[in-house]
All heavy atoms as atom14 arrays in JSON, in Angstrom:
{
  "sequence": "FPGAPRTLDLDLLLYGDATIASARLTAPHPRMHERAFVLRPLL",
  "atom14_mask": [
    [1, 1, 1, 1, 1, 1, 1, 1, 1, 1, 1, 0, 0, 0],
    [1, 1, 1, 1, 1, 1, 1, 0, 0, 0, 0, 0, 0, 0],
    [1, 1, 1, 1, 0, 0, 0, 0, 0, 0, 0, 0, 0, 0],
    [1, 1, 1, 1, 1, 0, 0, 0, 0, 0, 0, 0, 0, 0],
    [1, 1, 1, 1, 1, 1, 1, 0, 0, 0, 0, 0, 0, 0],
    [1, 1, 1, 1, 1, 1, 1, 1, 1, 1, 1, 0, 0, 0],
    [1, 1, 1, 1, 1, 1, 1, 0, 0, 0, 0, 0, 0, 0],
    [1, 1, 1, 1, 1, 1, 1, 1, 0, 0, 0, 0, 0, 0],
    [1, 1, 1, 1, 1, 1, 1, 1, 0, 0, 0, 0, 0, 0],
    [1, 1, 1, 1, 1, 1, 1, 1, 0, 0, 0, 0, 0, 0],
    [1, 1, 1, 1, 1, 1, 1, 1, 0, 0, 0, 0, 0, 0],
    [1, 1, 1, 1, 1, 1, 1, 1, 0, 0, 0, 0, 0, 0],
    [1, 1, 1, 1, 1, 1, 1, 1, 0, 0, 0, 0, 0, 0],
    [1, 1, 1, 1, 1, 1, 1, 1, 0, 0, 0, 0, 0, 0],
    [1, 1, 1, 1, 1, 1, 1, 1, 1, 1, 1, 1, 0, 0],
    [1, 1, 1, 1, 0, 0, 0, 0, 0, 0, 0, 0, 0, 0],
    [1, 1, 1, 1, 1, 1, 1, 1, 0, 0, 0, 0, 0, 0],
    [1, 1, 1, 1, 1, 0, 0, 0, 0, 0, 0, 0, 0, 0],
    [1, 1, 1, 1, 1, 1, 1, 0, 0, 0, 0, 0, 0, 0],
    [1, 1, 1, 1, 1, 1, 1, 1, 0, 0, 0, 0, 0, 0],
    [1, 1, 1, 1, 1, 0, 0, 0, 0, 0, 0, 0, 0, 0],
    [1, 1, 1, 1, 1, 1, 0, 0, 0, 0, 0, 0, 0, 0],
    [1, 1, 1, 1, 1, 0, 0, 0, 0, 0, 0, 0, 0, 0],
    [1, 1, 1, 1, 1, 1, 1, 1, 1, 1, 1, 0, 0, 0],
    [1, 1, 1, 1, 1, 1, 1, 1, 0, 0, 0, 0, 0, 0],
    [1, 1, 1, 1, 1, 1, 1, 0, 0, 0, 0, 0, 0, 0],
    [1, 1, 1, 1, 1, 0, 0, 0, 0, 0, 0, 0, 0, 0],
    [1, 1, 1, 1, 1, 1, 1, 0, 0, 0, 0, 0, 0, 0],
    [1, 1, 1, 1, 1, 1, 1, 1, 1, 1, 0, 0, 0, 0],
    [1, 1, 1, 1, 1, 1, 1, 0, 0, 0, 0, 0, 0, 0],
    [1, 1, 1, 1, 1, 1, 1, 1, 1, 1, 1, 0, 0, 0],
    [1, 1, 1, 1, 1, 1, 1, 1, 0, 0, 0, 0, 0, 0],
    [1, 1, 1, 1, 1, 1, 1, 1, 1, 1, 0, 0, 0, 0],
    [1, 1, 1, 1, 1, 1, 1, 1, 1, 0, 0, 0, 0, 0],
    [1, 1, 1, 1, 1, 1, 1, 1, 1, 1, 1, 0, 0, 0],
    [1, 1, 1, 1, 1, 0, 0, 0, 0, 0, 0, 0, 0, 0],
    [1, 1, 1, 1, 1, 1, 1, 1, 1, 1, 1, 0, 0, 0],
    [1, 1, 1, 1, 1, 1, 1, 0, 0, 0, 0, 0, 0, 0],
    [1, 1, 1, 1, 1, 1, 1, 1, 0, 0, 0, 0, 0, 0],
    [1, 1, 1, 1, 1, 1, 1, 1, 1, 1, 1, 0, 0, 0],
    [1, 1, 1, 1, 1, 1, 1, 0, 0, 0, 0, 0, 0, 0],
    [1, 1, 1, 1, 1, 1, 1, 1, 0, 0, 0, 0, 0, 0],
    [1, 1, 1, 1, 1, 1, 1, 1, 0, 0, 0, 0, 0, 0]
  ],
  "atom14_positions": [
    [[-16.48, 2.89, -4.37], [-16.32, 1.44, -4.43], [-14.83, 1.13, -4.57], [-14.06, 1.98, -5.01], [-17.13, 0.83, -5.59], [-16.78, 1.37, -6.95], [-15.76, 0.8, -7.72], [-17.48, 2.45, -7.48], [-15.44, 1.3, -8.96], [-17.16, 2.95, -8.74], [-16.14, 2.37, -9.48], [0.0, 0.0, 0.0], [0.0, 0.0, 0.0], [0.0, 0.0, 0.0]],
    [[-14.41, -0.08, -4.19], [-12.99, -0.44, -4.31], [-12.51, -0.33, -5.76], [-13.19, -0.77, -6.68], [-12.94, -1.89, -3.82], [-14.14, -2.03, -2.95], [-15.19, -1.14, -3.56], [0.0, 0.0, 0.0], [0.0, 0.0, 0.0], [0.0, 0.0, 0.0], [0.0, 0.0, 0.0], [0.0, 0.0, 0.0], [0.0, 0.0, 0.0], [0.0, 0.0, 0.0]],
    [[-11.36, 0.29, -5.94], [-10.78, 0.43, -7.27], [-11.37, 1.57, -8.09], [-11.09, 1.68, -9.28], [0.0, 0.0, 0.0], [0.0, 0.0, 0.0], [0.0, 0.0, 0.0], [0.0, 0.0, 0.0], [0.0, 0.0, 0.0], [0.0, 0.0, 0.0], [0.0, 0.0, 0.0], [0.0, 0.0, 0.0], [0.0, 0.0, 0.0], [0.0, 0.0, 0.0]],
    [[-12.18, 2.42, -7.47], [-12.82, 3.53, -8.18], [-11.78, 4.56, -8.62], [-10.72, 4.68, -8.01], [-13.86, 4.2, -7.28], [0.0, 0.0, 0.0], [0.0, 0.0, 0.0], [0.0, 0.0, 0.0], [0.0, 0.0, 0.0], [0.0, 0.0, 0.0], [0.0, 0.0, 0.0], [0.0, 0.0, 0.0], [0.0, 0.0, 0.0], [0.0, 0.0, 0.0]],
    [[-12.08, 5.32, -9.67], [-11.21, 6.44, -10.03], [-11.05, 7.39, -8.84], [-11.94, 7.47, -7.99], [-11.97, 7.13, -11.18], [-12.93, 6.11, -11.69], [-13.27, 5.23, -10.52], [0.0, 0.0, 0.0], [0.0, 0.0, 0.0], [0.0, 0.0, 0.0], [0.0, 0.0, 0.0], [0.0, 0.0, 0.0], [0.0, 0.0, 0.0], [0.0, 0.0, 0.0]],
    [[-9.93, 8.09, -8.8], [-9.69, 8.95, -7.63], [-8.86, 10.18, -7.97], [-8.01, 10.13, -8.86], [-9.04, 8.17, -6.51], [-7.71, 7.56, -6.92], [-7.38, 6.35, -6.13], [-8.27, 5.28, -6.51], [-8.05, 4.01, -6.32], [-6.99, 3.61, -5.72], [-8.9, 3.1, -6.72], [0.0, 0.0, 0.0], [0.0, 0.0, 0.0], [0.0, 0.0, 0.0]],
    [[-9.12, 11.23, -7.21], [-8.33, 12.46, -7.35], [-6.97, 12.3, -6.7], [-6.0, 12.9, -7.15], [-9.06, 13.65, -6.7], [-9.35, 13.32, -5.34], [-10.34, 13.99, -7.45], [0.0, 0.0, 0.0], [0.0, 0.0, 0.0], [0.0, 0.0, 0.0], [0.0, 0.0, 0.0], [0.0, 0.0, 0.0], [0.0, 0.0, 0.0], [0.0, 0.0, 0.0]],
    [[-6.92, 11.49, -5.63], [-5.65, 11.26, -4.95], [-5.79, 10.05, -4.04], [-6.76, 9.92, -3.31], [-5.25, 12.48, -4.1], [-3.9, 12.38, -3.38], [-2.74, 12.26, -4.38], [-3.68, 13.59, -2.47], [0.0, 0.0, 0.0], [0.0, 0.0, 0.0], [0.0, 0.0, 0.0], [0.0, 0.0, 0.0], [0.0, 0.0, 0.0], [0.0, 0.0, 0.0]],
    [[-4.81, 9.17, -4.11], [-4.74, 8.0, -3.24], [-3.35, 7.99, -2.62], [-2.34, 8.06, -3.33], [-4.96, 6.74, -4.08], [-5.0, 5.47, -3.26], [-5.33, 5.53, -2.06], [-4.71, 4.4, -3.82], [0.0, 0.0, 0.0], [0.0, 0.0, 0.0], [0.0, 0.0, 0.0], [0.0, 0.0, 0.0], [0.0, 0.0, 0.0], [0.0, 0.0, 0.0]],
    [[-3.3, 7.94, -1.29], [-2.04, 7.86, -0.56], [-2.06, 6.6, 0.28], [-2.93, 6.45, 1.14], [-1.85, 9.09, 0.33], [-1.82, 10.44, -0.38], [-1.71, 11.57, 0.65], [-0.7, 10.52, -1.39], [0.0, 0.0, 0.0], [0.0, 0.0, 0.0], [0.0, 0.0, 0.0], [0.0, 0.0, 0.0], [0.0, 0.0, 0.0], [0.0, 0.0, 0.0]],
    [[-1.14, 5.69, 0.02], [-1.07, 4.43, 0.76], [0.23, 4.36, 1.54], [1.32, 4.57, 0.97], [-1.12, 3.24, -0.2], [-2.47, 3.04, -0.85], [-3.48, 3.31, -0.18], [-2.51, 2.63, -2.01], [0.0, 0.0, 0.0], [0.0, 0.0, 0.0], [0.0, 0.0, 0.0], [0.0, 0.0, 0.0], [0.0, 0.0, 0.0], [0.0, 0.0, 0.0]],
    [[0.13, 4.05, 2.82], [1.33, 3.76, 3.62], [1.78, 2.36, 3.23], [1.13, 1.38, 3.54], [1.02, 3.87, 5.11], [2.19, 3.61, 6.06], [3.38, 4.49, 5.73], [1.74, 3.81, 7.5], [0.0, 0.0, 0.0], [0.0, 0.0, 0.0], [0.0, 0.0, 0.0], [0.0, 0.0, 0.0], [0.0, 0.0, 0.0], [0.0, 0.0, 0.0]],
    [[2.87, 2.3, 2.48], [3.35, 1.03, 1.94], [4.19, 0.27, 2.96], [3.97, -0.92, 3.2], [4.19, 1.27, 0.69], [3.5, 2.0, -0.46], [4.52, 2.35, -1.55], [2.37, 1.16, -1.01], [0.0, 0.0, 0.0], [0.0, 0.0, 0.0], [0.0, 0.0, 0.0], [0.0, 0.0, 0.0], [0.0, 0.0, 0.0], [0.0, 0.0, 0.0]],
    [[5.17, 0.95, 3.52], [6.1, 0.35, 4.49], [6.31, 1.34, 5.63], [6.44, 2.55, 5.39], [7.45, 0.05, 3.84], [7.47, -0.98, 2.72], [8.82, -0.95, 2.0], [7.18, -2.36, 3.25], [0.0, 0.0, 0.0], [0.0, 0.0, 0.0], [0.0, 0.0, 0.0], [0.0, 0.0, 0.0], [0.0, 0.0, 0.0], [0.0, 0.0, 0.0]],
    [[6.38, 0.82, 6.83], [6.69, 1.62, 8.0], [7.86, 0.92, 8.69], [7.66, -0.01, 9.47], [5.48, 1.73, 8.93], [5.69, 2.68, 10.07], [5.47, 4.05, 9.91], [6.13, 2.22, 11.3], [5.67, 4.93, 10.96], [6.34, 3.1, 12.36], [6.11, 4.45, 12.18], [6.32, 5.33, 13.22], [0.0, 0.0, 0.0], [0.0, 0.0, 0.0]],
    [[9.08, 1.34, 8.31], [10.27, 0.64, 8.77], [10.17, -0.81, 8.35], [9.7, -1.12, 7.26], [0.0, 0.0, 0.0], [0.0, 0.0, 0.0], [0.0, 0.0, 0.0], [0.0, 0.0, 0.0], [0.0, 0.0, 0.0], [0.0, 0.0, 0.0], [0.0, 0.0, 0.0], [0.0, 0.0, 0.0], [0.0, 0.0, 0.0], [0.0, 0.0, 0.0]],
    [[10.57, -1.72, 9.24], [10.42, -3.14, 8.94], [9.26, -3.74, 9.73], [9.14, -4.96, 9.89], [11.72, -3.9, 9.2], [12.2, -3.77, 10.65], [11.51, -3.12, 11.47], [13.27, -4.32, 10.95], [0.0, 0.0, 0.0], [0.0, 0.0, 0.0], [0.0, 0.0, 0.0], [0.0, 0.0, 0.0], [0.0, 0.0, 0.0], [0.0, 0.0, 0.0]],
    [[8.36, -2.85, 10.2], [7.23, -3.29, 11.02], [6.19, -4.05, 10.2], [5.97, -3.76, 9.03], [6.56, -2.08, 11.67], [0.0, 0.0, 0.0], [0.0, 0.0, 0.0], [0.0, 0.0, 0.0], [0.0, 0.0, 0.0], [0.0, 0.0, 0.0], [0.0, 0.0, 0.0], [0.0, 0.0, 0.0], [0.0, 0.0, 0.0], [0.0, 0.0, 0.0]],
    [[5.59, -5.01, 10.86], [4.41, -5.69, 10.33], [3.25, -5.26, 11.21], [3.27, -5.5, 12.42], [4.61, -7.22, 10.37], [5.75, -7.55, 9.57], [3.39, -7.94, 9.82], [0.0, 0.0, 0.0], [0.0, 0.0, 0.0], [0.0, 0.0, 0.0], [0.0, 0.0, 0.0], [0.0, 0.0, 0.0], [0.0, 0.0, 0.0], [0.0, 0.0, 0.0]],
    [[2.27, -4.6, 10.6], [1.14, -4.02, 11.33], [-0.14, -4.61, 10.78], [-0.34, -4.64, 9.56], [1.12, -2.49, 11.19], [2.45, -1.89, 11.66], [-0.07, -1.89, 11.94], [2.67, -0.46, 11.24], [0.0, 0.0, 0.0], [0.0, 0.0, 0.0], [0.0, 0.0, 0.0], [0.0, 0.0, 0.0], [0.0, 0.0, 0.0], [0.0, 0.0, 0.0]],
    [[-1.0, -5.07, 11.66], [-2.31, -5.58, 11.25], [-3.33, -5.1, 12.27], [-3.59, -5.77, 13.27], [-2.3, -7.1, 11.16], [0.0, 0.0, 0.0], [0.0, 0.0, 0.0], [0.0, 0.0, 0.0], [0.0, 0.0, 0.0], [0.0, 0.0, 0.0], [0.0, 0.0, 0.0], [0.0, 0.0, 0.0], [0.0, 0.0, 0.0], [0.0, 0.0, 0.0]],
    [[-3.88, -3.92, 12.02], [-4.91, -3.38, 12.9], [-6.19, -3.23, 12.09], [-6.2, -3.47, 10.88], [-4.47, -2.03, 13.48], [-4.51, -1.01, 12.49], [0.0, 0.0, 0.0], [0.0, 0.0, 0.0], [0.0, 0.0, 0.0], [0.0, 0.0, 0.0], [0.0, 0.0, 0.0], [0.0, 0.0, 0.0], [0.0, 0.0, 0.0], [0.0, 0.0, 0.0]],
    [[-7.25, -2.8, 12.74], [-8.52, -2.6, 12.05], [-8.41, -1.54, 10.96], [-9.12, -1.6, 9.96], [-9.61, -2.22, 13.05], [0.0, 0.0, 0.0], [0.0, 0.0, 0.0], [0.0, 0.0, 0.0], [0.0, 0.0, 0.0], [0.0, 0.0, 0.0], [0.0, 0.0, 0.0], [0.0, 0.0, 0.0], [0.0, 0.0, 0.0], [0.0, 0.0, 0.0]],
    [[-7.5, -0.59, 11.13], [-7.37, 0.53, 10.18], [-6.17, 0.45, 9.25], [-6.13, 1.14, 8.24], [-7.28, 1.84, 10.95], [-8.52, 2.17, 11.73], [-8.45, 3.57, 12.34], [-8.15, 4.55, 11.32], [-7.2, 5.48, 11.45], [-6.46, 5.54, 12.53], [-6.99, 6.35, 10.48], [0.0, 0.0, 0.0], [0.0, 0.0, 0.0], [0.0, 0.0, 0.0]],
    [[-5.17, -0.33, 9.61], [-3.91, -0.28, 8.87], [-3.27, -1.65, 8.77], [-3.17, -2.37, 9.77], [-2.95, 0.69, 9.59], [-1.55, 0.83, 9.01], [-1.59, 1.39, 7.6], [-0.71, 1.74, 9.92], [0.0, 0.0, 0.0], [0.0, 0.0, 0.0], [0.0, 0.0, 0.0], [0.0, 0.0, 0.0], [0.0, 0.0, 0.0], [0.0, 0.0, 0.0]],
    [[-2.83, -1.97, 7.55], [-2.03, -3.16, 7.32], [-0.74, -2.71, 6.65], [-0.77, -2.02, 5.62], [-2.77, -4.17, 6.41], [-4.0, -4.52, 7.02], [-1.92, -5.42, 6.18], [0.0, 0.0, 0.0], [0.0, 0.0, 0.0], [0.0, 0.0, 0.0], [0.0, 0.0, 0.0], [0.0, 0.0, 0.0], [0.0, 0.0, 0.0], [0.0, 0.0, 0.0]],
    [[0.39, -3.06, 7.25], [1.7, -2.74, 6.66], [2.6, -3.94, 6.86], [2.57, -4.55, 7.92], [2.29, -1.49, 7.3], [0.0, 0.0, 0.0], [0.0, 0.0, 0.0], [0.0, 0.0, 0.0], [0.0, 0.0, 0.0], [0.0, 0.0, 0.0], [0.0, 0.0, 0.0], [0.0, 0.0, 0.0], [0.0, 0.0, 0.0], [0.0, 0.0, 0.0]],
    [[3.35, -4.31, 5.85], [3.37, -3.71, 4.53], [1.99, -3.73, 3.87], [1.15, -4.56, 4.2], [4.34, -4.59, 3.74], [5.12, -5.35, 4.75], [4.26, -5.45, 5.96], [0.0, 0.0, 0.0], [0.0, 0.0, 0.0], [0.0, 0.0, 0.0], [0.0, 0.0, 0.0], [0.0, 0.0, 0.0], [0.0, 0.0, 0.0], [0.0, 0.0, 0.0]],
    [[1.8, -2.79, 2.95], [0.52, -2.74, 2.23], [0.26, -4.12, 1.63], [1.15, -4.72, 1.02], [0.58, -1.67, 1.13], [-0.75, -1.41, 0.52], [-1.28, -2.21, -0.45], [-1.65, -0.43, 0.74], [-2.46, -1.74, -0.81], [-2.71, -0.65, -0.09], [0.0, 0.0, 0.0], [0.0, 0.0, 0.0], [0.0, 0.0, 0.0], [0.0, 0.0, 0.0]],
    [[-0.94, -4.66, 1.79], [-1.18, -6.07, 1.47], [-1.02, -6.48, 0.01], [-0.79, -7.65, -0.26], [-2.62, -6.31, 1.94], [-3.23, -4.97, 2.1], [-2.12, -4.02, 2.38], [0.0, 0.0, 0.0], [0.0, 0.0, 0.0], [0.0, 0.0, 0.0], [0.0, 0.0, 0.0], [0.0, 0.0, 0.0], [0.0, 0.0, 0.0], [0.0, 0.0, 0.0]],
    [[-1.1, -5.56, -0.93], [-0.96, -5.95, -2.34], [0.23, -5.29, -3.04], [0.39, -5.42, -4.24], [-2.26, -5.65, -3.1], [-3.42, -6.52, -2.66], [-4.74, -6.1, -3.28], [-5.06, -4.7, -3.09], [-5.54, -4.14, -1.96], [-5.75, -4.89, -0.91], [-5.81, -2.86, -1.9], [0.0, 0.0, 0.0], [0.0, 0.0, 0.0], [0.0, 0.0, 0.0]],
    [[1.06, -4.6, -2.28], [2.14, -3.85, -2.91], [3.09, -4.74, -3.7], [3.62, -4.33, -4.72], [2.9, -3.01, -1.89], [3.7, -3.79, -0.88], [4.6, -2.73, 0.28], [5.92, -2.12, -0.76], [0.0, 0.0, 0.0], [0.0, 0.0, 0.0], [0.0, 0.0, 0.0], [0.0, 0.0, 0.0], [0.0, 0.0, 0.0], [0.0, 0.0, 0.0]],
    [[3.28, -5.97, -3.25], [4.22, -6.88, -3.92], [3.67, -7.4, -5.25], [4.4, -8.03, -6.01], [4.56, -8.05, -3.0], [3.39, -8.91, -2.67], [2.41, -8.52, -1.79], [3.04, -10.14, -3.12], [1.5, -9.48, -1.7], [1.86, -10.47, -2.5], [0.0, 0.0, 0.0], [0.0, 0.0, 0.0], [0.0, 0.0, 0.0], [0.0, 0.0, 0.0]],
    [[2.39, -7.11, -5.54], [1.75, -7.54, -6.79], [1.52, -6.4, -7.76], [0.86, -6.57, -8.77], [0.38, -8.16, -6.47], [0.44, -9.33, -5.53], [-0.94, -9.76, -5.05], [-1.91, -8.98, -5.18], [-1.03, -10.89, -4.53], [0.0, 0.0, 0.0], [0.0, 0.0, 0.0], [0.0, 0.0, 0.0], [0.0, 0.0, 0.0], [0.0, 0.0, 0.0]],
    [[2.04, -5.22, -7.46], [1.75, -4.01, -8.23], [3.01, -3.39, -8.82], [3.84, -2.85, -8.09], [1.06, -2.97, -7.34], [-0.16, -3.46, -6.56], [-1.27, -3.79, -7.5], [-2.56, -3.82, -6.8], [-3.5, -4.7, -7.08], [-3.31, -5.61, -8.01], [-4.65, -4.66, -6.45], [0.0, 0.0, 0.0], [0.0, 0.0, 0.0], [0.0, 0.0, 0.0]],
    [[3.12, -3.43, -10.13], [4.27, -2.79, -10.79], [4.31, -1.3, -10.5], [5.39, -0.73, -10.36], [4.2, -3.04, -12.3], [0.0, 0.0, 0.0], [0.0, 0.0, 0.0], [0.0, 0.0, 0.0], [0.0, 0.0, 0.0], [0.0, 0.0, 0.0], [0.0, 0.0, 0.0], [0.0, 0.0, 0.0], [0.0, 0.0, 0.0], [0.0, 0.0, 0.0]],
    [[3.14, -0.65, -10.38], [3.12, 0.79, -10.13], [3.61, 1.15, -8.73], [3.87, 2.32, -8.45], [1.74, 1.4, -10.4], [0.63, 0.91, -9.5], [0.45, 1.44, -8.23], [-0.25, -0.06, -9.94], [-0.58, 0.99, -7.42], [-1.28, -0.5, -9.14], [-1.44, 0.02, -7.87], [0.0, 0.0, 0.0], [0.0, 0.0, 0.0], [0.0, 0.0, 0.0]],
    [[3.79, 0.17, -7.87], [4.42, 0.38, -6.56], [5.88, -0.07, -6.63], [6.78, 0.66, -6.21], [3.68, -0.4, -5.45], [4.47, -0.34, -4.15], [2.28, 0.14, -5.25], [0.0, 0.0, 0.0], [0.0, 0.0, 0.0], [0.0, 0.0, 0.0], [0.0, 0.0, 0.0], [0.0, 0.0, 0.0], [0.0, 0.0, 0.0], [0.0, 0.0, 0.0]],
    [[6.12, -1.25, -7.17], [7.47, -1.82, -7.16], [8.47, -1.01, -7.98], [9.59, -0.78, -7.54], [7.44, -3.27, -7.63], [6.68, -4.24, -6.71], [6.58, -5.61, -7.36], [7.33, -4.32, -5.34], [0.0, 0.0, 0.0], [0.0, 0.0, 0.0], [0.0, 0.0, 0.0], [0.0, 0.0, 0.0], [0.0, 0.0, 0.0], [0.0, 0.0, 0.0]],
    [[8.08, -0.57, -9.19], [9.03, 0.17, -10.03], [9.5, 1.46, -9.37], [10.71, 1.69, -9.27], [8.43, 0.47, -11.41], [8.27, -0.73, -12.32], [9.37, -0.94, -13.34], [9.79, 0.18, -14.1], [9.32, 0.55, -15.28], [8.34, -0.13, -15.86], [9.81, 1.59, -15.91], [0.0, 0.0, 0.0], [0.0, 0.0, 0.0], [0.0, 0.0, 0.0]],
    [[8.58, 2.34, -8.89], [9.09, 3.55, -8.23], [9.8, 3.27, -6.91], [10.75, 3.97, -6.55], [7.84, 4.42, -8.04], [6.68, 3.56, -8.34], [7.14, 2.38, -9.11], [0.0, 0.0, 0.0], [0.0, 0.0, 0.0], [0.0, 0.0, 0.0], [0.0, 0.0, 0.0], [0.0, 0.0, 0.0], [0.0, 0.0, 0.0], [0.0, 0.0, 0.0]],
    [[9.38, 2.23, -6.2], [10.05, 1.86, -4.95], [11.49, 1.45, -5.23], [12.42, 1.87, -4.55], [9.27, 0.73, -4.29], [9.66, 0.32, -2.89], [9.45, 1.45, -1.9], [8.84, -0.9, -2.46], [0.0, 0.0, 0.0], [0.0, 0.0, 0.0], [0.0, 0.0, 0.0], [0.0, 0.0, 0.0], [0.0, 0.0, 0.0], [0.0, 0.0, 0.0]],
    [[11.68, 0.64, -6.27], [13.03, 0.21, -6.64], [13.88, 1.36, -7.16], [15.11, 1.34, -7.01], [12.95, -0.91, -7.67], [12.57, -2.27, -7.09], [12.1, -3.23, -8.18], [13.74, -2.86, -6.31], [0.0, 0.0, 0.0], [0.0, 0.0, 0.0], [0.0, 0.0, 0.0], [0.0, 0.0, 0.0], [0.0, 0.0, 0.0], [0.0, 0.0, 0.0]]
  ]
}
């Protein structure tokens, strides 16, 4: 289920400066700007 515990999660956050919206992939990752656990290590 969404948000379930996991052994490993790998998210493609950014792919250059591309904006991608396909059935399988959205980049930038759609919630990365709302997540401290993404923003802090990214910065």
